[in-house]
N, C-alpha and C. Protein backbone atom coordinates (compact mmCIF):
# COMPACT_ATOMS: atom_id res chain seq x y z
N MET A 1 74.59 108.96 1.28
CA MET A 1 73.43 109.12 0.32
C MET A 1 73.86 108.73 -1.04
N ALA A 2 73.16 107.86 -1.71
CA ALA A 2 73.43 107.44 -3.05
C ALA A 2 73.28 108.54 -4.00
N HIS A 3 74.14 108.61 -5.02
CA HIS A 3 74.06 109.62 -6.07
C HIS A 3 73.10 109.17 -7.11
N LEU A 4 72.12 110.03 -7.40
CA LEU A 4 71.15 109.72 -8.41
C LEU A 4 71.46 110.27 -9.77
N SER A 5 71.28 109.52 -10.78
CA SER A 5 71.51 110.00 -12.17
C SER A 5 70.63 111.14 -12.53
N GLU A 6 71.05 111.88 -13.52
CA GLU A 6 70.25 113.08 -13.90
C GLU A 6 68.82 112.62 -14.42
N GLU A 7 68.86 111.51 -15.04
CA GLU A 7 67.47 111.03 -15.50
C GLU A 7 66.64 110.67 -14.40
N ALA A 8 67.16 110.11 -13.29
CA ALA A 8 66.36 109.79 -12.10
C ALA A 8 65.89 111.04 -11.42
N ILE A 9 66.74 112.11 -11.42
CA ILE A 9 66.35 113.30 -10.79
C ILE A 9 65.17 113.94 -11.58
N ILE A 10 65.33 113.95 -12.95
CA ILE A 10 64.23 114.58 -13.68
C ILE A 10 62.97 113.76 -13.56
N THR A 11 63.07 112.46 -13.46
CA THR A 11 61.86 111.66 -13.17
C THR A 11 61.20 112.00 -11.93
N ILE A 12 61.98 112.06 -10.87
CA ILE A 12 61.42 112.35 -9.51
C ILE A 12 60.76 113.77 -9.54
N VAL A 13 61.42 114.75 -10.12
CA VAL A 13 60.83 116.01 -10.11
C VAL A 13 59.60 116.14 -10.93
N THR A 14 59.51 115.32 -12.02
CA THR A 14 58.43 115.28 -12.92
C THR A 14 57.24 114.70 -12.10
N ILE A 15 57.46 113.69 -11.36
CA ILE A 15 56.40 113.03 -10.55
C ILE A 15 55.84 114.06 -9.52
N ILE A 16 56.75 114.69 -8.88
CA ILE A 16 56.34 115.79 -7.81
C ILE A 16 55.51 116.85 -8.44
N VAL A 17 56.07 117.39 -9.54
CA VAL A 17 55.34 118.50 -10.21
C VAL A 17 53.97 118.04 -10.77
N SER A 18 53.94 116.85 -11.31
CA SER A 18 52.67 116.31 -11.80
C SER A 18 51.66 116.22 -10.65
N GLY A 19 52.06 115.81 -9.52
CA GLY A 19 51.11 115.61 -8.44
C GLY A 19 50.59 116.98 -7.97
N ALA A 20 51.52 117.98 -7.90
CA ALA A 20 51.09 119.38 -7.57
C ALA A 20 50.15 119.84 -8.68
N ALA A 21 50.51 119.73 -9.89
CA ALA A 21 49.64 120.18 -10.98
C ALA A 21 48.21 119.53 -10.97
N ILE A 22 48.12 118.24 -10.67
CA ILE A 22 46.85 117.65 -10.63
C ILE A 22 45.96 118.23 -9.52
N VAL A 23 46.63 118.39 -8.39
CA VAL A 23 45.86 118.90 -7.22
C VAL A 23 45.46 120.38 -7.51
N ILE A 24 46.33 121.26 -7.85
CA ILE A 24 46.00 122.64 -8.09
C ILE A 24 45.12 122.81 -9.29
N GLY A 25 45.38 122.00 -10.38
CA GLY A 25 44.64 122.19 -11.56
C GLY A 25 43.23 121.54 -11.58
N THR A 26 42.86 120.77 -10.53
CA THR A 26 41.49 120.27 -10.42
C THR A 26 40.86 120.96 -9.25
N MET A 27 41.59 121.45 -8.33
CA MET A 27 40.95 122.09 -7.17
C MET A 27 40.34 123.47 -7.55
N ILE A 28 40.93 124.23 -8.26
CA ILE A 28 40.53 125.62 -8.63
C ILE A 28 39.18 125.50 -9.48
N PRO A 29 39.24 124.75 -10.60
CA PRO A 29 37.94 124.57 -11.29
C PRO A 29 36.82 124.03 -10.55
N THR A 30 37.14 123.09 -9.69
CA THR A 30 36.04 122.45 -8.87
C THR A 30 35.46 123.54 -7.91
N TRP A 31 36.27 124.33 -7.33
CA TRP A 31 35.83 125.41 -6.45
C TRP A 31 34.89 126.40 -7.23
N VAL A 32 35.35 126.74 -8.45
CA VAL A 32 34.64 127.74 -9.28
C VAL A 32 33.30 127.02 -9.72
N GLU A 33 33.26 125.84 -9.98
CA GLU A 33 32.10 125.13 -10.48
C GLU A 33 31.03 125.09 -9.32
N GLY A 34 31.46 124.85 -8.09
CA GLY A 34 30.66 124.92 -6.91
C GLY A 34 30.11 126.28 -6.77
N LYS A 35 30.82 127.40 -6.85
CA LYS A 35 30.29 128.76 -6.75
C LYS A 35 29.32 129.03 -7.75
N SER A 36 29.63 128.58 -9.01
CA SER A 36 28.66 128.92 -10.08
C SER A 36 27.33 128.15 -9.92
N ALA A 37 27.43 126.96 -9.52
CA ALA A 37 26.16 126.08 -9.21
C ALA A 37 25.39 126.75 -8.17
N VAL A 38 26.05 127.22 -7.03
CA VAL A 38 25.35 127.89 -5.99
C VAL A 38 24.61 129.09 -6.53
N LYS A 39 25.35 129.91 -7.30
CA LYS A 39 24.70 131.22 -7.81
C LYS A 39 23.55 130.89 -8.71
N ALA A 40 23.64 129.85 -9.55
CA ALA A 40 22.61 129.51 -10.47
C ALA A 40 21.33 129.08 -9.68
N ILE A 41 21.57 128.30 -8.65
CA ILE A 41 20.46 127.82 -7.80
C ILE A 41 19.79 128.88 -7.15
N GLU A 42 20.64 129.89 -6.57
CA GLU A 42 20.02 131.10 -5.93
C GLU A 42 19.21 131.93 -6.95
N GLY A 43 19.69 131.96 -8.22
CA GLY A 43 18.89 132.71 -9.15
C GLY A 43 17.68 131.98 -9.54
N MET A 44 17.71 130.66 -9.53
CA MET A 44 16.46 129.88 -9.86
C MET A 44 15.50 130.06 -8.66
N ALA A 45 15.95 130.19 -7.44
CA ALA A 45 14.99 130.35 -6.37
C ALA A 45 14.44 131.74 -6.47
N ARG A 46 15.13 132.79 -6.84
CA ARG A 46 14.58 134.14 -6.96
C ARG A 46 13.69 134.32 -8.14
N GLN A 47 14.00 133.71 -9.18
CA GLN A 47 13.27 133.86 -10.44
C GLN A 47 12.96 132.49 -11.03
N PRO A 48 11.93 131.78 -10.50
CA PRO A 48 11.65 130.39 -11.07
C PRO A 48 11.32 130.39 -12.53
N GLU A 49 10.77 131.51 -13.09
CA GLU A 49 10.40 131.58 -14.53
C GLU A 49 11.68 131.51 -15.36
N ALA A 50 12.80 131.83 -15.02
CA ALA A 50 13.95 131.92 -15.63
C ALA A 50 14.89 130.70 -15.37
N ALA A 51 14.30 129.71 -14.79
CA ALA A 51 15.10 128.53 -14.41
C ALA A 51 15.78 127.81 -15.56
N GLY A 52 14.97 127.70 -16.63
CA GLY A 52 15.53 127.00 -17.81
C GLY A 52 16.66 127.62 -18.45
N GLN A 53 16.64 128.97 -18.59
CA GLN A 53 17.68 129.77 -19.11
C GLN A 53 19.00 129.70 -18.18
N LEU A 54 18.75 129.78 -16.91
CA LEU A 54 19.77 129.71 -15.86
C LEU A 54 20.45 128.27 -15.93
N ARG A 55 19.68 127.31 -16.03
CA ARG A 55 20.18 125.89 -16.04
C ARG A 55 21.02 125.71 -17.32
N THR A 56 20.60 126.21 -18.45
CA THR A 56 21.37 126.05 -19.66
C THR A 56 22.71 126.75 -19.64
N ALA A 57 22.64 128.05 -19.18
CA ALA A 57 23.89 128.86 -19.01
C ALA A 57 24.83 128.19 -17.97
N MET A 58 24.25 127.64 -16.90
CA MET A 58 25.10 127.00 -15.85
C MET A 58 25.88 125.73 -16.50
N LEU A 59 25.01 124.95 -17.19
CA LEU A 59 25.59 123.73 -17.79
C LEU A 59 26.73 123.97 -18.77
N ILE A 60 26.49 124.96 -19.57
CA ILE A 60 27.59 125.42 -20.58
C ILE A 60 28.70 125.89 -19.80
N ALA A 61 28.54 126.75 -18.69
CA ALA A 61 29.75 127.26 -17.90
C ALA A 61 30.54 126.11 -17.28
N LEU A 62 29.71 125.09 -16.77
CA LEU A 62 30.33 124.06 -16.10
C LEU A 62 31.12 123.15 -17.07
N ALA A 63 30.65 122.96 -18.31
CA ALA A 63 31.33 122.27 -19.25
C ALA A 63 32.61 122.94 -19.72
N LEU A 64 32.63 124.27 -19.75
CA LEU A 64 33.81 124.98 -20.15
C LEU A 64 34.84 124.96 -18.95
N LEU A 65 34.38 125.00 -17.70
CA LEU A 65 35.25 124.96 -16.55
C LEU A 65 35.83 123.55 -16.50
N GLU A 66 35.11 122.58 -16.79
CA GLU A 66 35.59 121.20 -16.62
C GLU A 66 36.74 120.80 -17.68
N THR A 67 36.79 121.62 -18.74
CA THR A 67 37.77 121.41 -19.75
C THR A 67 39.23 121.73 -19.26
N ALA A 68 39.14 122.65 -18.26
CA ALA A 68 40.53 122.98 -17.63
C ALA A 68 41.08 121.78 -16.88
N SER A 69 40.19 121.16 -16.14
CA SER A 69 40.64 119.93 -15.39
C SER A 69 41.08 118.81 -16.41
N ILE A 70 40.41 118.66 -17.50
CA ILE A 70 40.73 117.68 -18.46
C ILE A 70 42.03 117.96 -19.14
N TYR A 71 42.42 119.22 -19.45
CA TYR A 71 43.68 119.61 -19.99
C TYR A 71 44.77 119.30 -19.05
N VAL A 72 44.54 119.76 -17.79
CA VAL A 72 45.55 119.42 -16.65
C VAL A 72 45.81 117.88 -16.65
N LEU A 73 44.77 117.12 -16.66
CA LEU A 73 44.96 115.65 -16.57
C LEU A 73 45.80 115.12 -17.83
N LEU A 74 45.48 115.61 -19.03
CA LEU A 74 46.27 115.22 -20.12
C LEU A 74 47.66 115.64 -20.16
N ILE A 75 47.91 116.87 -19.66
CA ILE A 75 49.36 117.31 -19.49
C ILE A 75 50.09 116.39 -18.53
N VAL A 76 49.46 116.14 -17.42
CA VAL A 76 50.09 115.25 -16.38
C VAL A 76 50.30 113.85 -16.85
N LEU A 77 49.37 113.21 -17.66
CA LEU A 77 49.60 111.96 -18.26
C LEU A 77 50.69 111.98 -19.18
N VAL A 78 50.84 113.02 -20.02
CA VAL A 78 52.10 113.10 -20.96
C VAL A 78 53.29 113.17 -20.21
N LEU A 79 53.30 113.97 -19.18
CA LEU A 79 54.55 114.10 -18.30
C LEU A 79 54.89 112.80 -17.64
N LEU A 80 53.96 112.08 -17.25
CA LEU A 80 54.23 110.83 -16.42
C LEU A 80 54.63 109.66 -17.35
N PHE A 81 53.90 109.49 -18.49
CA PHE A 81 54.10 108.32 -19.34
C PHE A 81 54.91 108.57 -20.60
N ALA A 82 55.12 109.69 -21.04
CA ALA A 82 55.86 110.06 -22.29
C ALA A 82 56.66 111.35 -21.95
N ASN A 83 57.44 111.18 -20.94
CA ASN A 83 58.20 112.40 -20.47
C ASN A 83 59.12 113.02 -21.53
N PRO A 84 58.68 114.21 -22.07
CA PRO A 84 59.41 114.81 -23.17
C PRO A 84 60.81 115.33 -22.61
N LEU A 85 60.89 115.52 -21.39
CA LEU A 85 62.18 116.08 -20.90
C LEU A 85 63.36 115.07 -20.93
N ILE A 86 62.96 113.81 -20.66
CA ILE A 86 64.00 112.71 -20.79
C ILE A 86 64.40 112.52 -22.24
N THR A 87 63.50 112.49 -23.06
CA THR A 87 63.89 112.35 -24.49
C THR A 87 64.65 113.62 -25.09
N ARG A 88 64.28 114.70 -24.52
CA ARG A 88 65.03 115.91 -25.00
C ARG A 88 66.41 116.03 -24.52
N PHE A 89 66.64 115.71 -23.17
CA PHE A 89 67.98 115.79 -22.68
C PHE A 89 68.83 114.56 -22.74
N PHE A 90 68.20 113.37 -22.88
CA PHE A 90 68.93 112.16 -22.85
C PHE A 90 68.75 111.37 -24.13
N GLY A 91 67.91 111.77 -25.07
CA GLY A 91 67.72 111.17 -26.24
C GLY A 91 67.04 109.71 -26.19
N GLY A 92 66.34 109.56 -25.15
CA GLY A 92 65.62 108.21 -25.12
C GLY A 92 65.54 107.74 -23.82
């Protein structure tokens, strides 16, 4: 087995962790968004006169939940393309 440099090991671990982070960081908000949409639709079916208020509240909640996925994406992109660990430990 060939010996890997420390920089290569950090890069490989970063790629693996980034993949896991994007999966977990998007799966959970998506699941919660689905649950909130189902509950809002059930509420609209029970009280059609409150559909406008429920829709507005649901859209605001979905927008806030989606920001979690966007933050995860931004962190993963930083780790993949501007890996701060390599610059911190190896100076470039």
